[in-house]
Amino acid sequence: MAKCSICDKGAHFGIAVSHSHRRSNKMWKSNVKSVKVSVNGAARKMYVCTSCLRSGKVERA
């Protein structure tokens, strides 16, 4: 679900390292919102990341 419909930005995976240098798996989720978007004149609900919303790649309905 946490994937942008415009740029396909999704979750990133890596390793979190604590102060004592113990390593554990970590996931960074992208900031994705459910937004009504106008597509070919019709309103549709899509998952769009906030960077695509701010840059004007999509137009809200």
Protein backbone atom coordinates (compact mmCIF):
# COMPACT_ATOMS: atom_id res chain seq x y z
CA MET A 1 0.00 0.00 0.00
CA ALA A 2 2.76 2.47 0.86
CA LYS A 3 3.76 3.06 -2.76
CA CYS A 4 3.26 6.20 -4.84
CA SER A 5 1.15 5.71 -7.97
CA ILE A 6 3.07 8.44 -9.82
CA CYS A 7 6.77 7.84 -9.12
CA ASP A 8 6.64 4.32 -7.54
CA LYS A 9 8.44 5.53 -4.42
CA GLY A 10 8.13 2.85 -1.75
CA ALA A 11 9.68 1.68 1.49
CA HIS A 12 13.45 1.61 1.99
CA PHE A 13 15.22 -1.08 3.98
CA GLY A 14 18.45 -0.88 5.89
CA ILE A 15 20.16 -1.60 9.18
CA ALA A 16 19.73 0.49 12.34
CA VAL A 17 22.88 0.67 14.45
CA SER A 18 22.48 1.49 18.15
CA HIS A 19 24.98 3.31 20.36
CA SER A 20 26.42 -0.02 21.50
CA HIS A 21 26.68 -0.97 17.79
CA ARG A 22 24.01 -3.67 17.93
CA ARG A 23 22.48 -3.97 14.47
CA SER A 24 18.82 -4.61 13.67
CA ASN A 25 16.70 -4.43 10.55
CA LYS A 26 14.88 -1.17 9.91
CA MET A 27 12.30 0.04 7.42
CA TRP A 28 11.74 3.64 6.31
CA LYS A 29 8.24 4.21 4.94
CA SER A 30 7.60 6.91 2.36
CA ASN A 31 5.09 9.66 3.13
CA VAL A 32 2.14 8.46 1.01
CA LYS A 33 -1.36 9.95 1.23
CA SER A 34 -4.69 8.78 -0.17
CA VAL A 35 -5.80 11.67 -2.40
CA LYS A 36 -8.63 12.33 -4.85
CA VAL A 37 -6.93 13.14 -8.16
CA SER A 38 -8.43 14.26 -11.45
CA VAL A 39 -7.41 11.85 -14.22
CA ASN A 40 -8.74 12.67 -17.72
CA GLY A 41 -11.44 14.86 -16.19
CA ALA A 42 -12.67 12.16 -13.79
CA ALA A 43 -11.96 12.01 -10.06
CA ARG A 44 -10.08 8.94 -8.81
CA LYS A 45 -8.60 7.99 -5.44
CA MET A 46 -4.89 7.28 -5.63
CA TYR A 47 -1.96 6.89 -3.27
CA VAL A 48 0.46 9.77 -3.94
CA CYS A 49 3.64 10.72 -2.09
CA THR A 50 3.89 14.23 -0.69
CA SER A 51 6.84 15.16 -2.91
CA CYS A 52 4.69 14.54 -6.01
CA LEU A 53 1.86 16.58 -4.47
CA ARG A 54 4.16 19.51 -3.69
CA SER A 55 5.88 19.50 -7.08
CA GLY A 56 2.55 19.66 -8.93
CA LYS A 57 2.84 16.34 -10.76
CA VAL A 58 -0.81 15.61 -9.90
CA GLU A 59 -3.88 17.83 -9.71
CA ARG A 60 -6.31 17.36 -6.86
CA ALA A 61 -9.97 16.83 -7.73
